[in-house]
N, C-alpha and C. Protein backbone atom coordinates (compact mmCIF):
# COMPACT_ATOMS: atom_id res chain seq x y z
N MET A 1 9.86 -7.70 2.69
CA MET A 1 9.65 -6.29 2.36
C MET A 1 9.23 -5.54 3.62
N LYS A 2 9.69 -4.35 3.69
CA LYS A 2 9.32 -3.48 4.80
C LYS A 2 7.94 -2.86 4.52
N ASP A 3 7.11 -2.75 5.55
CA ASP A 3 5.82 -2.06 5.41
C ASP A 3 6.06 -0.60 5.07
N GLY A 4 5.23 -0.05 4.22
CA GLY A 4 5.34 1.37 3.91
C GLY A 4 5.01 1.66 2.47
N LEU A 5 5.30 2.89 2.09
CA LEU A 5 5.02 3.41 0.77
C LEU A 5 6.29 3.33 -0.08
N TYR A 6 6.17 2.79 -1.29
CA TYR A 6 7.29 2.64 -2.21
C TYR A 6 7.06 3.51 -3.44
N HIS A 7 8.12 4.07 -3.98
CA HIS A 7 8.06 4.85 -5.22
C HIS A 7 9.13 4.32 -6.16
N CYS A 8 8.80 4.21 -7.44
CA CYS A 8 9.73 3.60 -8.40
C CYS A 8 11.02 4.39 -8.55
N GLU A 9 11.03 5.67 -8.24
CA GLU A 9 12.25 6.47 -8.37
C GLU A 9 13.09 6.44 -7.09
N VAL A 10 12.57 5.83 -6.04
CA VAL A 10 13.31 5.75 -4.78
C VAL A 10 13.81 4.33 -4.56
N TYR A 11 12.90 3.37 -4.55
CA TYR A 11 13.23 1.96 -4.39
C TYR A 11 12.04 1.13 -4.84
N TRP A 12 12.29 0.13 -5.62
CA TRP A 12 11.20 -0.73 -6.14
C TRP A 12 11.63 -2.17 -5.98
N ASN A 13 10.91 -2.93 -5.22
CA ASN A 13 11.23 -4.32 -4.92
C ASN A 13 10.61 -5.22 -6.00
N GLU A 14 11.32 -6.24 -6.42
CA GLU A 14 10.82 -7.16 -7.45
C GLU A 14 9.50 -7.82 -7.04
N ASN A 15 9.34 -8.09 -5.76
CA ASN A 15 8.11 -8.72 -5.28
C ASN A 15 6.91 -7.78 -5.45
N ILE A 16 7.13 -6.49 -5.30
CA ILE A 16 6.05 -5.51 -5.52
C ILE A 16 5.58 -5.61 -6.97
N GLN A 17 6.53 -5.56 -7.89
CA GLN A 17 6.19 -5.63 -9.31
C GLN A 17 5.47 -6.93 -9.64
N HIS A 18 5.94 -8.04 -9.07
CA HIS A 18 5.31 -9.34 -9.31
C HIS A 18 3.86 -9.34 -8.82
N GLN A 19 3.61 -8.82 -7.63
CA GLN A 19 2.24 -8.80 -7.09
C GLN A 19 1.32 -7.92 -7.94
N ILE A 20 1.83 -6.81 -8.43
CA ILE A 20 1.01 -5.92 -9.26
C ILE A 20 0.69 -6.61 -10.59
N GLU A 21 1.69 -7.22 -11.20
CA GLU A 21 1.46 -7.93 -12.45
C GLU A 21 0.45 -9.07 -12.26
N LYS A 22 0.55 -9.76 -11.13
CA LYS A 22 -0.40 -10.84 -10.84
C LYS A 22 -1.83 -10.29 -10.70
N ALA A 23 -1.97 -9.16 -10.01
CA ALA A 23 -3.30 -8.54 -9.85
C ALA A 23 -3.86 -8.12 -11.21
N LEU A 24 -3.00 -7.58 -12.07
CA LEU A 24 -3.47 -7.12 -13.38
C LEU A 24 -3.74 -8.26 -14.34
N SER A 25 -3.25 -9.44 -14.06
CA SER A 25 -3.52 -10.58 -14.93
C SER A 25 -4.59 -11.50 -14.34
N SER A 26 -5.21 -11.08 -13.26
CA SER A 26 -6.17 -11.93 -12.54
C SER A 26 -7.55 -12.02 -13.19
N GLU A 27 -7.83 -11.14 -14.13
CA GLU A 27 -9.13 -11.07 -14.80
C GLU A 27 -10.28 -10.75 -13.85
N LEU A 28 -9.96 -10.14 -12.70
CA LEU A 28 -11.00 -9.70 -11.78
C LEU A 28 -11.70 -8.47 -12.36
N PRO A 29 -12.96 -8.26 -12.03
CA PRO A 29 -13.65 -7.07 -12.52
C PRO A 29 -13.09 -5.80 -11.89
N LEU A 30 -13.21 -4.69 -12.63
CA LEU A 30 -12.79 -3.39 -12.13
C LEU A 30 -14.01 -2.73 -11.50
N ILE A 31 -13.89 -2.34 -10.23
CA ILE A 31 -14.97 -1.66 -9.52
C ILE A 31 -14.47 -0.26 -9.14
N PHE A 32 -15.31 0.76 -9.33
CA PHE A 32 -14.92 2.14 -9.11
C PHE A 32 -15.62 2.72 -7.88
N ASP A 33 -14.82 3.29 -6.98
CA ASP A 33 -15.32 3.96 -5.79
C ASP A 33 -16.10 5.22 -6.19
N SER A 34 -16.94 5.70 -5.30
CA SER A 34 -17.71 6.92 -5.58
C SER A 34 -16.79 8.11 -5.84
N HIS A 35 -15.62 8.15 -5.20
CA HIS A 35 -14.67 9.25 -5.45
C HIS A 35 -14.18 9.21 -6.90
N ALA A 36 -13.90 8.03 -7.41
CA ALA A 36 -13.49 7.89 -8.81
C ALA A 36 -14.63 8.29 -9.74
N ILE A 37 -15.84 7.89 -9.40
CA ILE A 37 -17.01 8.25 -10.22
C ILE A 37 -17.23 9.76 -10.21
N ASP A 38 -17.09 10.39 -9.03
CA ASP A 38 -17.22 11.85 -8.95
C ASP A 38 -16.18 12.54 -9.84
N ASN A 39 -14.93 12.06 -9.78
CA ASN A 39 -13.89 12.64 -10.63
C ASN A 39 -14.18 12.42 -12.11
N LYS A 40 -14.79 11.29 -12.42
CA LYS A 40 -15.17 10.99 -13.81
C LYS A 40 -16.07 12.09 -14.34
N PHE A 41 -17.07 12.47 -13.55
CA PHE A 41 -18.01 13.50 -13.99
C PHE A 41 -17.42 14.90 -13.93
N GLU A 42 -16.75 15.22 -12.83
CA GLU A 42 -16.18 16.56 -12.66
C GLU A 42 -15.11 16.87 -13.70
N ARG A 43 -14.31 15.88 -14.03
CA ARG A 43 -13.17 16.12 -14.93
C ARG A 43 -13.40 15.53 -16.32
N LYS A 44 -14.61 15.03 -16.56
CA LYS A 44 -14.98 14.48 -17.86
C LYS A 44 -14.00 13.40 -18.32
N ILE A 45 -13.76 12.43 -17.44
CA ILE A 45 -12.87 11.31 -17.72
C ILE A 45 -13.73 10.11 -18.10
N SER A 46 -13.38 9.47 -19.18
CA SER A 46 -14.11 8.29 -19.61
C SER A 46 -13.55 7.06 -18.92
N ILE A 47 -14.32 6.47 -17.98
CA ILE A 47 -13.82 5.26 -17.32
C ILE A 47 -13.99 4.04 -18.22
N SER A 48 -14.77 4.16 -19.29
CA SER A 48 -14.88 3.02 -20.22
C SER A 48 -13.55 2.79 -20.94
N ARG A 49 -12.69 3.79 -20.94
CA ARG A 49 -11.36 3.66 -21.55
C ARG A 49 -10.35 3.04 -20.58
N ILE A 50 -10.76 2.79 -19.34
CA ILE A 50 -9.87 2.16 -18.37
C ILE A 50 -10.07 0.65 -18.45
N THR A 51 -9.08 -0.02 -18.96
CA THR A 51 -9.14 -1.47 -19.12
C THR A 51 -7.90 -2.10 -18.50
N ILE A 52 -8.00 -3.39 -18.22
CA ILE A 52 -6.85 -4.12 -17.69
C ILE A 52 -5.68 -4.03 -18.68
N LYS A 53 -5.97 -4.12 -19.96
CA LYS A 53 -4.90 -4.06 -20.96
C LYS A 53 -4.16 -2.73 -20.88
N LYS A 54 -4.91 -1.63 -20.80
CA LYS A 54 -4.26 -0.32 -20.71
C LYS A 54 -3.50 -0.17 -19.40
N LEU A 55 -4.09 -0.65 -18.31
CA LEU A 55 -3.39 -0.57 -17.03
C LEU A 55 -2.08 -1.35 -17.10
N SER A 56 -2.11 -2.50 -17.74
CA SER A 56 -0.90 -3.34 -17.86
C SER A 56 0.17 -2.67 -18.72
N LEU A 57 -0.24 -1.84 -19.67
CA LEU A 57 0.72 -1.14 -20.52
C LEU A 57 1.28 0.11 -19.85
N GLY A 58 0.60 0.59 -18.83
CA GLY A 58 1.08 1.77 -18.12
C GLY A 58 2.20 1.40 -17.18
N TYR A 59 2.57 2.33 -16.33
CA TYR A 59 3.60 2.00 -15.36
C TYR A 59 3.11 2.34 -13.96
N CYS A 60 3.43 1.45 -13.07
CA CYS A 60 3.10 1.64 -11.67
C CYS A 60 4.25 2.39 -11.04
N PHE A 61 3.96 3.52 -10.42
CA PHE A 61 5.04 4.32 -9.85
C PHE A 61 5.00 4.39 -8.33
N GLU A 62 3.91 3.94 -7.72
CA GLU A 62 3.81 3.98 -6.27
C GLU A 62 3.01 2.78 -5.78
N ALA A 63 3.42 2.24 -4.65
CA ALA A 63 2.71 1.10 -4.06
C ALA A 63 2.82 1.17 -2.55
N LYS A 64 1.77 0.72 -1.88
CA LYS A 64 1.78 0.61 -0.42
C LYS A 64 1.83 -0.87 -0.07
N VAL A 65 2.75 -1.22 0.84
CA VAL A 65 2.93 -2.60 1.26
C VAL A 65 2.61 -2.72 2.74
N TYR A 66 1.87 -3.78 3.08
CA TYR A 66 1.57 -4.10 4.47
C TYR A 66 1.69 -5.61 4.64
N LYS A 67 2.51 -6.03 5.56
CA LYS A 67 2.75 -7.46 5.83
C LYS A 67 3.09 -8.23 4.56
N ASN A 68 4.06 -7.70 3.81
CA ASN A 68 4.56 -8.31 2.57
C ASN A 68 3.54 -8.40 1.45
N LYS A 69 2.48 -7.62 1.54
CA LYS A 69 1.44 -7.66 0.52
C LYS A 69 1.19 -6.25 -0.01
N VAL A 70 1.10 -6.12 -1.33
CA VAL A 70 0.75 -4.84 -1.94
C VAL A 70 -0.74 -4.62 -1.68
N VAL A 71 -1.05 -3.56 -0.93
CA VAL A 71 -2.43 -3.28 -0.58
C VAL A 71 -3.00 -2.10 -1.38
N LYS A 72 -2.11 -1.41 -2.11
CA LYS A 72 -2.56 -0.29 -2.94
C LYS A 72 -1.45 0.01 -3.94
N PHE A 73 -1.83 0.38 -5.17
CA PHE A 73 -0.83 0.79 -6.15
C PHE A 73 -1.42 1.85 -7.09
N VAL A 74 -0.52 2.64 -7.66
CA VAL A 74 -0.92 3.74 -8.53
C VAL A 74 -0.29 3.52 -9.90
N ILE A 75 -1.12 3.62 -10.93
CA ILE A 75 -0.67 3.41 -12.31
C ILE A 75 -0.93 4.68 -13.12
N ARG A 76 0.01 4.97 -14.03
CA ARG A 76 -0.12 6.10 -14.95
C ARG A 76 0.08 5.58 -16.37
N TYR A 77 -0.81 6.00 -17.27
CA TYR A 77 -0.65 5.64 -18.68
C TYR A 77 -1.26 6.72 -19.56
N GLY A 78 -0.90 6.70 -20.85
CA GLY A 78 -1.38 7.70 -21.79
C GLY A 78 -2.88 7.66 -21.95
N TYR A 79 -3.51 8.83 -21.80
CA TYR A 79 -4.97 8.94 -21.92
C TYR A 79 -5.34 9.56 -23.27
N ASP A 80 -4.68 10.66 -23.61
CA ASP A 80 -4.87 11.31 -24.90
C ASP A 80 -3.59 12.07 -25.24
N ASP A 81 -3.66 12.99 -26.18
CA ASP A 81 -2.44 13.71 -26.59
C ASP A 81 -1.91 14.67 -25.54
N ILE A 82 -2.75 15.09 -24.62
CA ILE A 82 -2.36 16.09 -23.62
C ILE A 82 -2.18 15.49 -22.23
N TYR A 83 -3.02 14.51 -21.89
CA TYR A 83 -3.07 14.00 -20.51
C TYR A 83 -2.68 12.52 -20.39
N ASP A 84 -2.19 12.19 -19.21
CA ASP A 84 -2.06 10.82 -18.75
C ASP A 84 -3.15 10.60 -17.71
N LEU A 85 -3.61 9.38 -17.60
CA LEU A 85 -4.57 9.02 -16.56
C LEU A 85 -3.83 8.34 -15.43
N CYS A 86 -4.06 8.79 -14.21
CA CYS A 86 -3.52 8.15 -13.02
C CYS A 86 -4.69 7.55 -12.27
N SER A 87 -4.46 6.36 -11.71
CA SER A 87 -5.52 5.69 -10.97
C SER A 87 -4.93 4.91 -9.81
N VAL A 88 -5.66 4.92 -8.70
CA VAL A 88 -5.24 4.23 -7.48
C VAL A 88 -6.07 2.96 -7.34
N TRP A 89 -5.37 1.81 -7.20
CA TRP A 89 -6.02 0.51 -7.17
C TRP A 89 -5.75 -0.23 -5.88
N ILE A 90 -6.79 -0.88 -5.38
CA ILE A 90 -6.69 -1.73 -4.20
C ILE A 90 -7.08 -3.14 -4.64
N PRO A 91 -6.10 -4.08 -4.63
CA PRO A 91 -6.43 -5.45 -5.02
C PRO A 91 -7.24 -6.14 -3.92
N LYS A 92 -8.38 -6.67 -4.29
CA LYS A 92 -9.23 -7.41 -3.36
C LYS A 92 -9.42 -8.82 -3.90
N SER A 93 -10.00 -9.69 -3.10
CA SER A 93 -10.17 -11.08 -3.54
C SER A 93 -11.19 -11.20 -4.68
N ASP A 94 -12.14 -10.26 -4.76
CA ASP A 94 -13.19 -10.38 -5.77
C ASP A 94 -13.16 -9.30 -6.85
N CYS A 95 -12.21 -8.34 -6.76
CA CYS A 95 -12.16 -7.27 -7.74
C CYS A 95 -10.85 -6.48 -7.60
N LEU A 96 -10.61 -5.65 -8.60
CA LEU A 96 -9.61 -4.59 -8.47
C LEU A 96 -10.42 -3.32 -8.23
N TYR A 97 -10.22 -2.73 -7.07
CA TYR A 97 -11.03 -1.62 -6.61
C TYR A 97 -10.30 -0.31 -6.88
N CYS A 98 -10.89 0.55 -7.69
CA CYS A 98 -10.30 1.83 -8.04
C CYS A 98 -10.78 2.89 -7.05
N LYS A 99 -9.85 3.39 -6.24
CA LYS A 99 -10.18 4.38 -5.22
C LYS A 99 -10.41 5.76 -5.84
N THR A 100 -9.54 6.16 -6.78
CA THR A 100 -9.71 7.45 -7.43
C THR A 100 -8.97 7.49 -8.76
N ILE A 101 -9.32 8.46 -9.58
CA ILE A 101 -8.67 8.69 -10.86
C ILE A 101 -8.46 10.19 -11.03
N TRP A 102 -7.44 10.55 -11.80
CA TRP A 102 -7.23 11.95 -12.14
C TRP A 102 -6.39 12.03 -13.40
N LEU A 103 -6.40 13.19 -14.02
CA LEU A 103 -5.60 13.42 -15.22
C LEU A 103 -4.39 14.28 -14.85
N ASN A 104 -3.25 13.94 -15.42
CA ASN A 104 -2.04 14.73 -15.28
C ASN A 104 -1.58 15.12 -16.67
N LYS A 105 -1.13 16.35 -16.82
CA LYS A 105 -0.55 16.73 -18.10
C LYS A 105 0.70 15.88 -18.34
N LYS A 106 0.89 15.50 -19.60
CA LYS A 106 2.02 14.65 -19.94
C LYS A 106 3.35 15.27 -19.56
N ASP A 107 3.42 16.60 -19.61
CA ASP A 107 4.69 17.26 -19.30
C ASP A 107 4.88 17.52 -17.80
N ASP A 108 3.92 17.11 -16.97
CA ASP A 108 4.05 17.26 -15.52
C ASP A 108 4.84 16.06 -15.00
N LYS A 109 6.10 16.29 -14.65
CA LYS A 109 6.99 15.19 -14.28
C LYS A 109 7.26 15.11 -12.77
N HIS A 110 6.61 15.94 -11.97
CA HIS A 110 6.71 15.87 -10.51
C HIS A 110 8.15 15.86 -10.01
N TYR A 111 8.89 16.88 -10.35
CA TYR A 111 10.29 16.95 -9.94
C TYR A 111 10.45 17.23 -8.45
N THR A 112 9.37 17.44 -7.74
CA THR A 112 9.43 17.77 -6.31
C THR A 112 9.15 16.55 -5.44
N LEU A 113 9.55 15.39 -5.88
CA LEU A 113 9.31 14.15 -5.15
C LEU A 113 9.93 14.22 -3.75
N ASP A 114 9.12 13.98 -2.72
CA ASP A 114 9.59 13.96 -1.34
C ASP A 114 10.02 12.54 -0.99
N GLU A 115 11.29 12.25 -1.17
CA GLU A 115 11.81 10.89 -0.99
C GLU A 115 11.69 10.40 0.44
N LYS A 116 11.56 11.30 1.39
CA LYS A 116 11.45 10.90 2.81
C LYS A 116 10.16 10.14 3.09
N LYS A 117 9.15 10.28 2.24
CA LYS A 117 7.87 9.59 2.43
C LYS A 117 7.94 8.11 2.10
N TYR A 118 9.01 7.70 1.43
CA TYR A 118 9.05 6.36 0.85
C TYR A 118 10.13 5.48 1.47
N VAL A 119 9.87 4.17 1.42
CA VAL A 119 10.87 3.19 1.82
C VAL A 119 12.02 3.32 0.83
N SER A 120 13.24 3.34 1.36
CA SER A 120 14.40 3.44 0.48
C SER A 120 15.20 2.15 0.54
N TYR A 121 16.11 2.01 -0.39
CA TYR A 121 16.97 0.83 -0.45
C TYR A 121 17.77 0.70 0.84
N ASP A 122 18.27 1.80 1.35
CA ASP A 122 19.11 1.79 2.56
C ASP A 122 18.37 1.30 3.79
N ASN A 123 17.08 1.65 3.92
CA ASN A 123 16.37 1.22 5.14
C ASN A 123 15.55 -0.04 4.94
N ASN A 124 15.73 -0.71 3.81
CA ASN A 124 15.07 -1.98 3.58
C ASN A 124 16.04 -3.08 4.00
N LYS A 125 15.70 -3.84 5.02
CA LYS A 125 16.62 -4.76 5.68
C LYS A 125 16.83 -6.08 4.95
N ASN A 126 15.99 -6.40 3.96
CA ASN A 126 16.19 -7.69 3.29
C ASN A 126 17.18 -7.55 2.14
N ASN A 127 17.46 -8.63 1.46
CA ASN A 127 18.47 -8.63 0.41
C ASN A 127 17.87 -8.49 -0.99
N SER A 128 16.69 -7.89 -1.10
CA SER A 128 16.08 -7.72 -2.42
C SER A 128 16.95 -6.82 -3.28
N LYS A 129 16.97 -7.14 -4.54
CA LYS A 129 17.76 -6.37 -5.48
C LYS A 129 17.08 -5.03 -5.75
N HIS A 130 17.87 -3.97 -5.77
CA HIS A 130 17.36 -2.64 -6.09
C HIS A 130 17.12 -2.57 -7.59
N ILE A 131 15.93 -2.15 -7.99
CA ILE A 131 15.62 -2.00 -9.41
C ILE A 131 15.71 -0.53 -9.75
N SER A 132 16.64 -0.19 -10.58
CA SER A 132 16.84 1.19 -10.97
C SER A 132 15.87 1.53 -12.08
N VAL A 133 15.14 2.62 -11.90
CA VAL A 133 14.18 3.05 -12.90
C VAL A 133 14.63 4.40 -13.44
N CYS A 134 14.87 4.44 -14.70
CA CYS A 134 15.31 5.67 -15.35
C CYS A 134 14.08 6.43 -15.81
N LEU A 135 14.00 7.71 -15.47
CA LEU A 135 12.85 8.52 -15.86
C LEU A 135 12.68 8.52 -17.38
N GLY A 136 13.79 8.55 -18.12
CA GLY A 136 13.71 8.50 -19.58
C GLY A 136 13.05 7.24 -20.07
N ASP A 137 13.36 6.10 -19.42
CA ASP A 137 12.72 4.84 -19.80
C ASP A 137 11.22 4.88 -19.54
N LEU A 138 10.83 5.48 -18.41
CA LEU A 138 9.40 5.59 -18.10
C LEU A 138 8.68 6.46 -19.12
N ILE A 139 9.31 7.56 -19.50
CA ILE A 139 8.69 8.48 -20.47
C ILE A 139 8.56 7.76 -21.82
N ASN A 140 9.62 7.07 -22.25
CA ASN A 140 9.56 6.34 -23.52
C ASN A 140 8.50 5.26 -23.49
N ARG A 141 8.38 4.54 -22.38
CA ARG A 141 7.35 3.50 -22.26
C ARG A 141 5.97 4.13 -22.39
N GLN A 142 5.79 5.28 -21.73
CA GLN A 142 4.50 5.97 -21.77
C GLN A 142 4.19 6.40 -23.19
N ILE A 143 5.14 6.95 -23.91
CA ILE A 143 4.93 7.41 -25.29
C ILE A 143 4.57 6.22 -26.19
N ASN A 144 5.26 5.10 -26.00
CA ASN A 144 5.03 3.93 -26.83
C ASN A 144 3.68 3.26 -26.54
N ASN A 145 3.07 3.53 -25.37
CA ASN A 145 1.84 2.86 -24.98
C ASN A 145 0.61 3.75 -25.09
N LYS A 146 0.65 4.78 -25.90
CA LYS A 146 -0.50 5.66 -26.07
C LYS A 146 -1.69 4.90 -26.57
């Protein structure tokens, strides 16, 4: 895998998904950074509702890779009837470290994605299979995992 930032709508490597699933099945404790805690209070977000099970049911849409290792990933899942919860995770040897959290309206689909920021299939030199992610599939998965 090439070092850099990956987005599921641009290019998603199977190894990225495998590493994220492994981190989410590791049973490591969830630790929250002060920035996440500040957002919890400012935006009235319940972090007690953030569980490994819910994270596993959500979808990871962005990941940072360094030396073939996922060093950061972002997950979005249904929070309530109006919002989805997004959270940034750093897998560590002793915990899953949450850097920050925020709420996004369910109808906010980020159509202004800057694809130039992300590793693409064309500039990835290995023979990994391109995983096509359909936005409709992501929306349906999100609806089904409320």
